[in-house]
Every structure is written in structure tokens, then in C-alpha cells.
Amino acid sequence: MHRSTRLLATTLLAVFTAMAGGTAAAQAPASADTLRQRYDTLGDALRDNAFGRPLVLESSETKEQLSGNIYAVIDKPFATVSSAMRSPGNWCEVLMLHLNTKYCAPQEQAGAVSLAVSVGRKFDQPLDQAQKVAFVFTPLATDDHLLDVRLGAKEGPLSTRDYRIELQAIPLPSGKTFIHLGYSYAYGAAARFAMQAYLSTLGRDKAGFTTDGVRGVVERNTMRYYLAIDSFLAAPSVAQREPRAAAWFDATERYPKQLHEMERDEYLAMKRNEFARLQQARP
């Protein structure tokens, strides 16, 4: 494949695989009872798996949609998880840990809250070269028994659409929290071409956790977002951004076959510059 085509495919893939969202406003809240039943069903898999932590990862692929789902036990009280993850600003702190997220800031317009996100490639990239997407933030349930929040964007670059990231959580009797993280997007012919081009060139050696190919792509990014949430909850203050980024990178390196993309010092230097840019005016 020609070098320029590979570069275009890599750039486009970076954009739509880094993005997360969906059309949450029209959806009903999750059920706490359903989550409890899922926790009971996954008991053995949560206790004994290849991840070295209480976690189950699933993925699926249809003709026009990819989705990944993680079910996990977080070693934090439900009140802590719920309070943190119902905040749009904190979601920006989570998204900024991803390799491809260049900028994120909450904004409010006409009573709706969204996240202004810039997504680009895996190096220190100027914002005017990144793709800008606004993700609607919708808290569907934030009571003492259930957290259910969604981020969503109807359209993305190329022929991608219906980006969704959803987080549901319930308290466990142990004082910990059971979560479900869902990540999905739909795509058309142009995005399918870009993904296939990437997987046949620069991404040909990339592995998923349960399978390879395009499902491997969504599995890798679902895991990155889960690890970002976990790292944020362990170090939630703005003053902890750099140690939080270091912890996220170290967590991804537990799965080098799937998640290694760059060296630690390179990643931290990139994020240091991107965090500094957050203090500037919104692009």
C-alpha cells in the first residue's frame, strides 16, 4: 500500500477509535437489579481470568457496528465512584489519558452539557491538525443504588457515527463497586476501508484480548478507557495529572502485546504538553 494511503488510514483510524459516545438522551437508565444479576453470573470469571484483576471483557461485531464491554470490580466505595464519574469535568480527565485525546473541556449550551474533544495521532500534535468532536453528556441515574452516565456523538469523521460510551455502577456488599463500561460506534464503507488498510499495514501485528482484527481494535480501546477510569479514581485531583498518567501507562504495559504503542517517557512528555494546553483558551 502507498505510504500516503497508510498515513491517511492510520490518522483516520486514530480519530474514530479514540472517540467514544452515543445517543444516550433517548435511552432508558440501566437496571440495578440487572447489574446485580450480571455480577452474580460472572462470579467465577471475575475471580479467575487472564487479566490479573476482577474483569471480564466481551466484544461483538456486526456489519456496521463494533462494541466492547467490560465488567469489573473497582476497589473503591460506590459513593466515591458515583460522585467522581457523574462530573463532566472528570470525564475529560479520564479521556485525556488516552493516547489519541489531545484536548477535552466541558461546555454548556442551551441547558445541555457536552465535552469539546480534540482527537489526533499518537504524538504531540497541534490542535489545528486534530479532529474536533462534541460529545453530549447525559446522566441517566445518579442515586444511592445506581450510577448510569452516557457520552454520545451522533456523527464522526469519515462514515463513522453513533459513538457511545456508557458507564453503569452499583454498590457491592464488600464496600467495593461493580461497573459495566460499554464502548461502541457504527461505521460505513469509508471507515471500513480505513480500518482494513490499517490492519493490513501498520496494525498487522496488533492483537486483541479475545480475538484479533476489527474486534481486537474495539477491545484494545475499551480496555484503555477502563484503565483510565481506574487510574483516575486512584488519583482524582488536577495536581495528580502526571502521576495519574504514569499509572495509566504502567497499567497498559501489563498487557504489552495488546496495548504497547510508545515508550513511557515519550507518552509522559506528550501528556505533559497536552495538560499544559488545557490551561489555555478552548480552541
Protein backbone atom coordinates (compact mmCIF):
# COMPACT_ATOMS: atom_id res chain seq x y z
CA MET A 1 0.00 0.00 0.00
CA HIS A 2 1.24 3.52 -0.83
CA ARG A 3 2.77 5.42 2.10
CA SER A 4 0.28 8.32 1.86
CA THR A 5 -2.63 5.87 1.94
CA ARG A 6 -1.21 4.15 5.01
CA LEU A 7 -0.75 7.53 6.69
CA LEU A 8 -4.34 8.55 5.93
CA ALA A 9 -5.68 5.23 7.16
CA THR A 10 -3.64 5.46 10.37
CA THR A 11 -4.79 9.02 11.04
CA LEU A 12 -8.44 8.23 10.42
CA LEU A 13 -8.31 5.07 12.49
CA ALA A 14 -6.71 7.01 15.35
CA VAL A 15 -9.55 9.50 15.25
CA PHE A 16 -12.52 7.18 15.30
CA THR A 17 -11.04 4.55 17.60
CA ALA A 18 -10.11 7.20 20.17
CA MET A 19 -13.60 8.65 20.24
CA ALA A 20 -16.37 7.44 22.49
CA GLY A 21 -20.02 8.35 22.73
CA GLY A 22 -23.57 7.72 21.52
CA THR A 23 -27.17 8.88 21.53
CA ALA A 24 -27.81 8.45 25.21
CA ALA A 25 -30.54 11.05 25.60
CA ALA A 26 -33.16 8.73 24.12
CA GLN A 27 -32.14 5.72 26.20
CA ALA A 28 -33.63 4.45 29.43
CA PRO A 29 -31.47 4.06 32.55
CA ALA A 30 -29.95 0.69 33.28
CA SER A 31 -31.43 -1.51 35.98
CA ALA A 32 -29.54 -2.03 39.25
CA ASP A 33 -31.14 -5.48 39.52
CA THR A 34 -29.90 -6.43 36.06
CA LEU A 35 -26.37 -5.39 37.00
CA ARG A 36 -26.53 -7.42 40.21
CA GLN A 37 -27.66 -10.46 38.24
CA ARG A 38 -24.79 -9.92 35.81
CA TYR A 39 -22.34 -9.69 38.71
CA ASP A 40 -23.63 -12.98 40.12
CA THR A 41 -23.44 -14.65 36.70
CA LEU A 42 -19.84 -13.53 36.16
CA GLY A 43 -18.65 -14.58 39.61
CA ASP A 44 -16.19 -17.30 38.54
CA ALA A 45 -14.90 -15.30 35.55
CA LEU A 46 -14.27 -12.25 37.72
CA ARG A 47 -12.29 -14.33 40.19
CA ASP A 48 -10.25 -16.36 37.70
CA ASN A 49 -9.15 -14.82 34.40
CA ALA A 50 -6.12 -13.83 32.35
CA PHE A 51 -6.23 -10.15 33.30
CA GLY A 52 -4.89 -10.44 36.82
CA ARG A 53 -7.81 -8.40 38.16
CA PRO A 54 -11.58 -8.90 38.58
CA LEU A 55 -12.51 -8.13 34.99
CA VAL A 56 -14.42 -9.66 32.09
CA LEU A 57 -14.04 -8.29 28.55
CA GLU A 58 -16.50 -9.02 25.74
CA SER A 59 -16.72 -7.71 22.19
CA SER A 60 -19.03 -8.03 19.20
CA GLU A 61 -19.09 -7.08 15.55
CA THR A 62 -21.94 -6.63 13.10
CA LYS A 63 -21.85 -5.42 9.52
CA GLU A 64 -21.86 -1.77 10.61
CA GLN A 65 -21.08 -1.67 14.34
CA LEU A 66 -18.32 -2.58 16.78
CA SER A 67 -18.82 -2.76 20.52
CA GLY A 68 -16.80 -3.68 23.57
CA ASN A 69 -17.99 -4.29 27.12
CA ILE A 70 -16.04 -4.57 30.34
CA TYR A 71 -17.50 -5.79 33.62
CA ALA A 72 -15.22 -5.24 36.58
CA VAL A 73 -14.98 -4.76 40.32
CA ILE A 74 -13.46 -1.43 41.34
CA ASP A 75 -11.71 -1.32 44.70
CA LYS A 76 -13.48 1.91 45.68
CA PRO A 77 -16.76 2.57 47.51
CA PHE A 78 -19.77 3.21 45.30
CA ALA A 79 -20.20 6.73 46.69
CA THR A 80 -16.67 7.61 45.58
CA VAL A 81 -17.14 6.18 42.09
CA SER A 82 -20.57 7.74 41.62
CA SER A 83 -19.53 11.18 42.85
CA ALA A 84 -16.49 11.23 40.58
CA MET A 85 -18.00 9.83 37.40
CA ARG A 86 -21.14 11.96 37.37
CA SER A 87 -18.94 15.02 36.70
CA PRO A 88 -18.36 16.07 33.05
CA GLY A 89 -15.04 17.65 34.00
CA ASN A 90 -13.83 14.41 35.49
CA TRP A 91 -14.71 12.57 32.30
CA CYS A 92 -12.35 14.94 30.50
CA GLU A 93 -9.63 13.95 32.97
CA VAL A 94 -10.33 10.31 32.09
CA LEU A 95 -10.40 10.83 28.32
CA MET A 96 -7.16 12.83 28.38
CA LEU A 97 -5.24 9.72 29.43
CA HIS A 98 -5.91 8.07 26.07
CA LEU A 99 -3.05 8.27 23.59
CA ASN A 100 -5.16 9.98 20.94
CA THR A 101 -7.01 12.57 23.04
CA LYS A 102 -5.34 15.93 22.55
CA TYR A 103 -7.80 18.22 24.35
CA CYS A 104 -11.03 17.98 26.34
CA ALA A 105 -13.14 20.59 28.12
CA PRO A 106 -16.77 20.60 29.31
CA GLN A 107 -19.10 23.21 27.86
CA GLU A 108 -22.75 24.13 28.35
CA GLN A 109 -25.13 25.38 25.70
CA ALA A 110 -28.91 25.70 25.84
CA GLY A 111 -29.02 23.70 29.06
CA ALA A 112 -27.12 20.74 27.63
CA VAL A 113 -23.64 19.72 28.75
CA SER A 114 -21.12 18.40 26.25
CA LEU A 115 -17.40 17.71 26.10
CA ALA A 116 -15.37 19.55 23.47
CA VAL A 117 -12.82 16.92 22.46
CA SER A 118 -9.92 17.09 20.03
CA VAL A 119 -8.63 13.74 18.81
CA GLY A 120 -5.50 13.07 16.81
CA ARG A 121 -2.49 10.85 16.34
CA LYS A 122 -0.13 9.37 18.92
CA PHE A 123 2.38 12.20 19.12
CA ASP A 124 2.48 15.81 20.28
CA GLN A 125 0.15 17.20 17.62
CA PRO A 126 -1.05 20.81 17.14
CA LEU A 127 -4.75 21.20 17.85
CA ASP A 128 -5.46 22.65 14.43
CA GLN A 129 -4.45 19.28 12.98
CA ALA A 130 -6.77 17.30 15.26
CA GLN A 131 -10.42 16.39 14.75
CA LYS A 132 -12.93 18.22 16.96
CA VAL A 133 -15.99 16.39 18.25
CA ALA A 134 -18.61 17.42 20.82
CA PHE A 135 -19.93 14.61 22.99
CA VAL A 136 -23.22 15.06 24.79
CA PHE A 137 -23.02 14.17 28.47
CA THR A 138 -26.17 12.56 29.88
CA PRO A 139 -26.53 11.36 33.49
CA LEU A 140 -29.45 8.93 33.44
CA ALA A 141 -29.25 7.73 37.05
CA THR A 142 -27.22 9.09 39.96
CA ASP A 143 -28.92 7.78 43.09
CA ASP A 144 -27.62 5.76 46.05
CA HIS A 145 -28.11 2.44 44.26
CA LEU A 146 -27.19 3.08 40.63
CA LEU A 147 -24.93 5.26 38.53
CA ASP A 148 -25.68 5.42 34.81
CA VAL A 149 -23.97 8.05 32.67
CA ARG A 150 -23.51 8.24 28.91
CA LEU A 151 -21.39 10.19 26.47
CA GLY A 152 -22.58 10.38 22.90
CA ALA A 153 -21.87 11.80 19.45
CA LYS A 154 -24.16 11.14 16.50
CA GLU A 155 -21.54 11.74 13.83
CA GLY A 156 -17.79 11.38 13.44
CA PRO A 157 -15.21 11.63 10.65
CA LEU A 158 -15.40 9.51 7.52
CA SER A 159 -18.59 7.49 7.75
CA THR A 160 -18.47 6.83 11.49
CA ARG A 161 -21.47 7.61 13.68
CA ASP A 162 -23.30 6.85 16.91
CA TYR A 163 -20.29 6.86 19.21
CA ARG A 164 -21.20 5.78 22.71
CA ILE A 165 -19.50 5.25 25.98
CA GLU A 166 -21.68 4.23 28.88
CA LEU A 167 -20.79 3.59 32.49
CA GLN A 168 -23.08 1.88 34.97
CA ALA A 169 -22.16 1.08 38.56
CA ILE A 170 -23.74 -0.45 41.65
CA PRO A 171 -22.51 -0.88 45.23
CA LEU A 172 -21.34 -4.30 46.42
CA PRO A 173 -21.76 -5.64 49.97
CA SER A 174 -17.96 -5.77 50.25
CA GLY A 175 -17.78 -1.98 50.05
CA LYS A 176 -16.44 -2.14 46.50
CA THR A 177 -18.20 -1.23 43.25
CA PHE A 178 -19.27 -3.32 40.27
CA ILE A 179 -19.15 -1.47 36.96
CA HIS A 180 -20.13 -2.02 33.36
CA LEU A 181 -18.26 0.02 30.75
CA GLY A 182 -19.65 -0.10 27.23
CA TYR A 183 -17.96 1.39 24.17
CA SER A 184 -19.32 1.25 20.62
CA TYR A 185 -19.57 3.01 17.30
CA ALA A 186 -21.11 2.43 13.89
CA TYR A 187 -19.22 2.82 10.64
CA GLY A 188 -19.76 2.83 6.89
CA ALA A 189 -17.71 1.98 3.83
CA ALA A 190 -15.06 4.70 4.15
CA ALA A 191 -14.31 3.90 7.78
CA ARG A 192 -14.26 0.18 7.00
CA PHE A 193 -11.66 0.81 4.30
CA ALA A 194 -9.50 2.87 6.66
CA MET A 195 -9.65 0.19 9.32
CA GLN A 196 -8.82 -2.61 6.89
CA ALA A 197 -5.93 -0.57 5.48
CA TYR A 198 -4.55 -0.02 8.97
CA LEU A 199 -4.91 -3.66 9.97
CA SER A 200 -3.13 -4.81 6.81
CA THR A 201 -0.17 -2.46 7.29
CA LEU A 202 0.85 -0.69 10.49
CA GLY A 203 -1.68 -2.62 12.57
CA ARG A 204 -0.99 -6.07 11.17
CA ASP A 205 0.80 -7.20 14.34
CA LYS A 206 -1.82 -5.79 16.73
CA ALA A 207 -3.59 -8.33 18.91
CA GLY A 208 -6.88 -8.16 20.74
CA PHE A 209 -7.60 -9.71 24.12
CA THR A 210 -10.05 -12.36 22.95
CA THR A 211 -9.71 -12.02 19.17
CA ASP A 212 -7.82 -10.02 16.54
CA GLY A 213 -8.91 -7.92 13.57
CA VAL A 214 -11.51 -5.18 13.96
CA ARG A 215 -12.88 -6.67 17.18
CA GLY A 216 -9.36 -6.52 18.54
CA VAL A 217 -9.39 -2.77 17.82
CA VAL A 218 -12.50 -2.14 19.92
CA GLU A 219 -11.24 -4.45 22.68
CA ARG A 220 -7.99 -2.51 22.99
CA ASN A 221 -9.74 0.81 23.28
CA THR A 222 -12.36 -0.46 25.71
CA MET A 223 -9.53 -1.65 27.95
CA ARG A 224 -7.73 1.69 27.63
CA TYR A 225 -10.84 3.55 28.79
CA TYR A 226 -11.40 1.15 31.67
CA LEU A 227 -7.81 1.59 32.83
CA ALA A 228 -8.25 5.35 32.50
CA ILE A 229 -11.27 5.29 34.81
CA ASP A 230 -9.42 3.11 37.31
CA SER A 231 -6.33 5.35 37.22
CA PHE A 232 -8.41 8.50 37.63
CA LEU A 233 -10.26 7.13 40.66
CA ALA A 234 -6.91 6.37 42.31
CA ALA A 235 -5.59 9.91 41.66
CA PRO A 236 -8.52 12.26 41.02
CA SER A 237 -7.09 15.74 41.65
CA VAL A 238 -5.77 18.06 38.95
CA ALA A 239 -2.46 18.16 40.82
CA GLN A 240 -2.16 14.40 40.23
CA ARG A 241 -2.39 14.52 36.44
CA GLU A 242 1.17 13.48 35.75
CA PRO A 243 1.37 10.63 38.30
CA ARG A 244 -2.07 9.54 37.09
CA ALA A 245 -0.78 9.41 33.51
CA ALA A 246 2.23 7.42 34.67
CA ALA A 247 -0.04 4.97 36.49
CA TRP A 248 -2.24 4.58 33.40
CA PHE A 249 0.76 3.91 31.19
CA ASP A 250 2.14 1.34 33.64
CA ALA A 251 -1.28 -0.35 33.79
CA THR A 252 -1.40 -0.64 29.99
CA GLU A 253 2.09 -2.12 29.95
CA ARG A 254 0.76 -5.10 31.88
CA TYR A 255 -0.70 -6.07 28.50
CA PRO A 256 2.12 -5.13 26.09
CA LYS A 257 1.03 -7.46 23.31
CA GLN A 258 -2.26 -5.60 23.03
CA LEU A 259 -1.63 -2.08 24.33
CA HIS A 260 2.01 -1.07 23.88
CA GLU A 261 2.27 1.84 21.44
CA MET A 262 5.09 4.10 22.60
CA GLU A 263 7.73 4.46 25.28
CA ARG A 264 6.91 5.73 28.76
CA ASP A 265 8.99 8.92 28.63
CA GLU A 266 7.56 9.78 25.21
CA TYR A 267 3.99 9.32 26.43
CA LEU A 268 4.53 11.36 29.60
CA ALA A 269 6.19 14.21 27.71
CA MET A 270 3.27 14.28 25.25
CA LYS A 271 0.69 14.32 28.03
CA ARG A 272 2.63 16.97 29.97
CA ASN A 273 2.30 19.31 26.99
CA GLU A 274 -1.35 18.42 26.46
CA PHE A 275 -2.20 19.03 30.12
CA ALA A 276 -0.49 22.42 29.90
CA ARG A 277 -2.61 23.22 26.85
CA LEU A 278 -5.78 22.63 28.88
CA GLN A 279 -4.99 25.82 30.80
CA GLN A 280 -5.22 27.85 27.60
CA ALA A 281 -8.35 29.11 25.91
CA ARG A 282 -10.58 26.48 24.32
CA PRO A 283 -9.67 26.02 20.64
